[in-house]
Amino acid sequence: MQLKLRFAEEDRKRPPDPPAWEKLDAEARAEALRRLALVIARMLTVREAGHD
C-alpha cells in the first residue's frame, strides 16, 4: 500500500491519471478481456450447476 504524501493543492494542479484500461496496449487489453470472459463463463456454469 502506498500513501499519498502530497498537499491537496498539488492534487488539483495535476491532471488525473488515465484509467488503468487506457494504460494497456492492445495485446494486454485482449488478454484482460479473454480472462474476464473465462471468469464470467465459470460463474455462469457454477450458477447453473447449483440450480439443477
PDB file of N, CA and C in Angstrom:
ATOM      1  N   MET A   1       0.839  -1.172   0.000  1.00  0.00           N
ATOM      2  CA  MET A   1       0.000   0.000   0.000  1.00  0.00           C
ATOM      3  C   MET A   1       0.884   1.235   0.000  1.00  0.00           C
ATOM      4  N   GLN A   2       0.509   2.222  -0.808  1.00  0.00           N
ATOM      5  CA  GLN A   2       1.307   3.426  -0.920  1.00  0.00           C
ATOM      6  C   GLN A   2       0.492   4.609  -0.395  1.00  0.00           C
ATOM      7  N   LEU A   3       1.117   5.391   0.441  1.00  0.00           N
ATOM      8  CA  LEU A   3       0.446   6.558   0.994  1.00  0.00           C
ATOM      9  C   LEU A   3       0.699   7.776   0.124  1.00  0.00           C
ATOM     10  N   LYS A   4      -0.320   8.601  -0.049  1.00  0.00           N
ATOM     11  CA  LYS A   4      -0.143   9.870  -0.751  1.00  0.00           C
ATOM     12  C   LYS A   4       0.349  10.896   0.254  1.00  0.00           C
ATOM     13  N   LEU A   5       1.489  11.462   0.001  1.00  0.00           N
ATOM     14  CA  LEU A   5       2.047  12.452   0.911  1.00  0.00           C
ATOM     15  C   LEU A   5       2.145  13.804   0.211  1.00  0.00           C
ATOM     16  N   ARG A   6       1.083  14.195  -0.474  1.00  0.00           N
ATOM     17  CA  ARG A   6       1.034  15.476  -1.167  1.00  0.00           C
ATOM     18  C   ARG A   6      -0.057  16.331  -0.558  1.00  0.00           C
ATOM     19  N   PHE A   7       0.069  17.608  -0.753  1.00  0.00           N
ATOM     20  CA  PHE A   7      -0.960  18.519  -0.295  1.00  0.00           C
ATOM     21  C   PHE A   7      -2.104  18.548  -1.291  1.00  0.00           C
ATOM     22  N   ALA A   8      -3.302  18.875  -0.827  1.00  0.00           N
ATOM     23  CA  ALA A   8      -4.491  18.894  -1.684  1.00  0.00           C
ATOM     24  C   ALA A   8      -4.306  19.825  -2.877  1.00  0.00           C
ATOM     25  N   GLU A   9      -3.608  20.957  -2.681  1.00  0.00           N
ATOM     26  CA  GLU A   9      -3.403  21.902  -3.786  1.00  0.00           C
ATOM     27  C   GLU A   9      -2.613  21.254  -4.929  1.00  0.00           C
ATOM     28  N   GLU A  10      -1.650  20.416  -4.573  1.00  0.00           N
ATOM     29  CA  GLU A  10      -0.855  19.740  -5.598  1.00  0.00           C
ATOM     30  C   GLU A  10      -1.719  18.793  -6.414  1.00  0.00           C
ATOM     31  N   ASP A  11      -2.646  18.104  -5.773  1.00  0.00           N
ATOM     32  CA  ASP A  11      -3.527  17.178  -6.477  1.00  0.00           C
ATOM     33  C   ASP A  11      -4.433  17.910  -7.454  1.00  0.00           C
ATOM     34  N   ARG A  12      -4.867  19.111  -7.121  1.00  0.00           N
ATOM     35  CA  ARG A  12      -5.765  19.865  -8.005  1.00  0.00           C
ATOM     36  C   ARG A  12      -5.030  20.387  -9.225  1.00  0.00           C
ATOM     37  N   LYS A  13      -3.753  20.690  -9.094  1.00  0.00           N
ATOM     38  CA  LYS A  13      -2.979  21.215 -10.213  1.00  0.00           C
ATOM     39  C   LYS A  13      -2.597  20.119 -11.199  1.00  0.00           C
ATOM     40  N   ARG A  14      -2.462  18.933 -10.719  1.00  0.00           N
ATOM     41  CA  ARG A  14      -2.006  17.806 -11.528  1.00  0.00           C
ATOM     42  C   ARG A  14      -3.198  17.183 -12.256  1.00  0.00           C
ATOM     43  N   PRO A  15      -3.087  16.923 -13.559  1.00  0.00           N
ATOM     44  CA  PRO A  15      -4.197  16.249 -14.246  1.00  0.00           C
ATOM     45  C   PRO A  15      -4.380  14.827 -13.699  1.00  0.00           C
ATOM     46  N   PRO A  16      -5.596  14.316 -13.694  1.00  0.00           N
ATOM     47  CA  PRO A  16      -5.818  12.972 -13.158  1.00  0.00           C
ATOM     48  C   PRO A  16      -5.128  11.913 -14.021  1.00  0.00           C
ATOM     49  N   ASP A  17      -4.739  10.829 -13.378  1.00  0.00           N
ATOM     50  CA  ASP A  17      -4.146   9.705 -14.105  1.00  0.00           C
ATOM     51  C   ASP A  17      -5.210   9.084 -14.998  1.00  0.00           C
ATOM     52  N   PRO A  18      -4.823   8.607 -16.179  1.00  0.00           N
ATOM     53  CA  PRO A  18      -5.808   7.923 -17.023  1.00  0.00           C
ATOM     54  C   PRO A  18      -6.230   6.613 -16.370  1.00  0.00           C
ATOM     55  N   PRO A  19      -7.426   6.149 -16.680  1.00  0.00           N
ATOM     56  CA  PRO A  19      -7.858   4.858 -16.132  1.00  0.00           C
ATOM     57  C   PRO A  19      -6.867   3.756 -16.517  1.00  0.00           C
ATOM     58  N   ALA A  20      -6.770   2.753 -15.671  1.00  0.00           N
ATOM     59  CA  ALA A  20      -5.815   1.659 -15.897  1.00  0.00           C
ATOM     60  C   ALA A  20      -6.010   1.020 -17.271  1.00  0.00           C
ATOM     61  N   TRP A  21      -7.261   0.891 -17.707  1.00  0.00           N
ATOM     62  CA  TRP A  21      -7.558   0.260 -19.004  1.00  0.00           C
ATOM     63  C   TRP A  21      -6.852   0.994 -20.136  1.00  0.00           C
ATOM     64  N   GLU A  22      -6.807   2.311 -20.069  1.00  0.00           N
ATOM     65  CA  GLU A  22      -6.195   3.106 -21.128  1.00  0.00           C
ATOM     66  C   GLU A  22      -4.671   3.006 -21.125  1.00  0.00           C
ATOM     67  N   LYS A  23      -4.093   2.534 -20.045  1.00  0.00           N
ATOM     68  CA  LYS A  23      -2.645   2.366 -19.975  1.00  0.00           C
ATOM     69  C   LYS A  23      -2.193   1.070 -20.637  1.00  0.00           C
ATOM     70  N   LEU A  24      -3.127   0.167 -20.915  1.00  0.00           N
ATOM     71  CA  LEU A  24      -2.787  -1.125 -21.505  1.00  0.00           C
ATOM     72  C   LEU A  24      -2.668  -1.021 -23.018  1.00  0.00           C
ATOM     73  N   ASP A  25      -1.740  -1.786 -23.590  1.00  0.00           N
ATOM     74  CA  ASP A  25      -1.658  -1.844 -25.046  1.00  0.00           C
ATOM     75  C   ASP A  25      -2.717  -2.821 -25.562  1.00  0.00           C
ATOM     76  N   ALA A  26      -2.851  -2.917 -26.858  1.00  0.00           N
ATOM     77  CA  ALA A  26      -3.906  -3.739 -27.467  1.00  0.00           C
ATOM     78  C   ALA A  26      -3.806  -5.203 -27.048  1.00  0.00           C
ATOM     79  N   GLU A  27      -2.604  -5.737 -26.987  1.00  0.00           N
ATOM     80  CA  GLU A  27      -2.420  -7.143 -26.613  1.00  0.00           C
ATOM     81  C   GLU A  27      -2.838  -7.379 -25.158  1.00  0.00           C
ATOM     82  N   ALA A  28      -2.470  -6.481 -24.273  1.00  0.00           N
ATOM     83  CA  ALA A  28      -2.836  -6.618 -22.863  1.00  0.00           C
ATOM     84  C   ALA A  28      -4.347  -6.481 -22.676  1.00  0.00           C
ATOM     85  N   ARG A  29      -4.968  -5.589 -23.434  1.00  0.00           N
ATOM     86  CA  ARG A  29      -6.437  -5.446 -23.354  1.00  0.00           C
ATOM     87  C   ARG A  29      -7.128  -6.723 -23.808  1.00  0.00           C
ATOM     88  N   ALA A  30      -6.630  -7.300 -24.897  1.00  0.00           N
ATOM     89  CA  ALA A  30      -7.228  -8.544 -25.401  1.00  0.00           C
ATOM     90  C   ALA A  30      -7.096  -9.660 -24.368  1.00  0.00           C
ATOM     91  N   GLU A  31      -5.949  -9.761 -23.733  1.00  0.00           N
ATOM     92  CA  GLU A  31      -5.743 -10.789 -22.705  1.00  0.00           C
ATOM     93  C   GLU A  31      -6.652 -10.548 -21.505  1.00  0.00           C
ATOM     94  N   ALA A  32      -6.809  -9.301 -21.102  1.00  0.00           N
ATOM     95  CA  ALA A  32      -7.692  -8.982 -19.981  1.00  0.00           C
ATOM     96  C   ALA A  32      -9.137  -9.357 -20.311  1.00  0.00           C
ATOM     97  N   LEU A  33      -9.568  -9.066 -21.522  1.00  0.00           N
ATOM     98  CA  LEU A  33     -10.935  -9.429 -21.931  1.00  0.00           C
ATOM     99  C   LEU A  33     -11.119 -10.938 -21.983  1.00  0.00           C
ATOM    100  N   ARG A  34     -10.106 -11.654 -22.458  1.00  0.00           N
ATOM    101  CA  ARG A  34     -10.177 -13.113 -22.514  1.00  0.00           C
ATOM    102  C   ARG A  34     -10.331 -13.682 -21.106  1.00  0.00           C
ATOM    103  N   ARG A  35      -9.532 -13.178 -20.175  1.00  0.00           N
ATOM    104  CA  ARG A  35      -9.613 -13.672 -18.797  1.00  0.00           C
ATOM    105  C   ARG A  35     -10.951 -13.326 -18.157  1.00  0.00           C
ATOM    106  N   LEU A  36     -11.440 -12.129 -18.414  1.00  0.00           N
ATOM    107  CA  LEU A  36     -12.742 -11.737 -17.877  1.00  0.00           C
ATOM    108  C   LEU A  36     -13.842 -12.637 -18.423  1.00  0.00           C
ATOM    109  N   ALA A  37     -13.785 -12.939 -19.703  1.00  0.00           N
ATOM    110  CA  ALA A  37     -14.777 -13.831 -20.304  1.00  0.00           C
ATOM    111  C   ALA A  37     -14.734 -15.213 -19.664  1.00  0.00           C
ATOM    112  N   LEU A  38     -13.536 -15.713 -19.365  1.00  0.00           N
ATOM    113  CA  LEU A  38     -13.417 -17.017 -18.712  1.00  0.00           C
ATOM    114  C   LEU A  38     -14.016 -16.997 -17.307  1.00  0.00           C
ATOM    115  N   VAL A  39     -13.780 -15.924 -16.566  1.00  0.00           N
ATOM    116  CA  VAL A  39     -14.342 -15.808 -15.221  1.00  0.00           C
ATOM    117  C   VAL A  39     -15.865 -15.773 -15.286  1.00  0.00           C
ATOM    118  N   ILE A  40     -16.396 -15.005 -16.221  1.00  0.00           N
ATOM    119  CA  ILE A  40     -17.856 -14.924 -16.366  1.00  0.00           C
ATOM    120  C   ILE A  40     -18.424 -16.286 -16.741  1.00  0.00           C
ATOM    121  N   ALA A  41     -17.784 -16.979 -17.668  1.00  0.00           N
ATOM    122  CA  ALA A  41     -18.258 -18.298 -18.080  1.00  0.00           C
ATOM    123  C   ALA A  41     -18.243 -19.277 -16.915  1.00  0.00           C
ATOM    124  N   ARG A  42     -17.196 -19.238 -16.111  1.00  0.00           N
ATOM    125  CA  ARG A  42     -17.124 -20.133 -14.948  1.00  0.00           C
ATOM    126  C   ARG A  42     -18.238 -19.824 -13.953  1.00  0.00           C
ATOM    127  N   MET A  43     -18.468 -18.550 -13.707  1.00  0.00           N
ATOM    128  CA  MET A  43     -19.517 -18.164 -12.761  1.00  0.00           C
ATOM    129  C   MET A  43     -20.893 -18.621 -13.257  1.00  0.00           C
ATOM    130  N   LEU A  44     -21.147 -18.463 -14.549  1.00  0.00           N
ATOM    131  CA  LEU A  44     -22.430 -18.903 -15.101  1.00  0.00           C
ATOM    132  C   LEU A  44     -22.570 -20.431 -15.006  1.00  0.00           C
ATOM    133  N   THR A  45     -21.478 -21.140 -15.245  1.00  0.00           N
ATOM    134  CA  THR A  45     -21.503 -22.595 -15.162  1.00  0.00           C
ATOM    135  C   THR A  45     -21.789 -23.055 -13.734  1.00  0.00           C
ATOM    136  N   VAL A  46     -21.139 -22.427 -12.772  1.00  0.00           N
ATOM    137  CA  VAL A  46     -21.357 -22.781 -11.373  1.00  0.00           C
ATOM    138  C   VAL A  46     -22.777 -22.456 -10.965  1.00  0.00           C
ATOM    139  N   ARG A  47     -23.280 -21.319 -11.387  1.00  0.00           N
ATOM    140  CA  ARG A  47     -24.641 -20.917 -11.032  1.00  0.00           C
ATOM    141  C   ARG A  47     -25.656 -21.908 -11.608  1.00  0.00           C
ATOM    142  N   GLU A  48     -25.479 -22.290 -12.867  1.00  0.00           N
ATOM    143  CA  GLU A  48     -26.407 -23.223 -13.499  1.00  0.00           C
ATOM    144  C   GLU A  48     -26.340 -24.595 -12.818  1.00  0.00           C
ATOM    145  N   ALA A  49     -25.165 -25.040 -12.466  1.00  0.00           N
ATOM    146  CA  ALA A  49     -24.994 -26.340 -11.823  1.00  0.00           C
ATOM    147  C   ALA A  49     -25.647 -26.340 -10.446  1.00  0.00           C
ATOM    148  N   GLY A  50     -25.641 -25.231  -9.768  1.00  0.00           N
ATOM    149  CA  GLY A  50     -26.204 -25.136  -8.437  1.00  0.00           C
ATOM    150  C   GLY A  50     -27.716 -25.142  -8.429  1.00  0.00           C
ATOM    151  N   HIS A  51     -28.358 -24.765  -9.527  1.00  0.00           N
ATOM    152  CA  HIS A  51     -29.825 -24.690  -9.590  1.00  0.00           C
ATOM    153  C   HIS A  51     -30.472 -25.986 -10.080  1.00  0.00           C
ATOM    154  N   ASP A  52     -29.669 -26.925 -10.525  1.00  0.00           N
ATOM    155  CA  ASP A  52     -30.246 -28.178 -11.048  1.00  0.00           C
ATOM    156  C   ASP A  52     -30.674 -29.111  -9.962  1.00  0.00           C
TER     157      ASP A  52
END
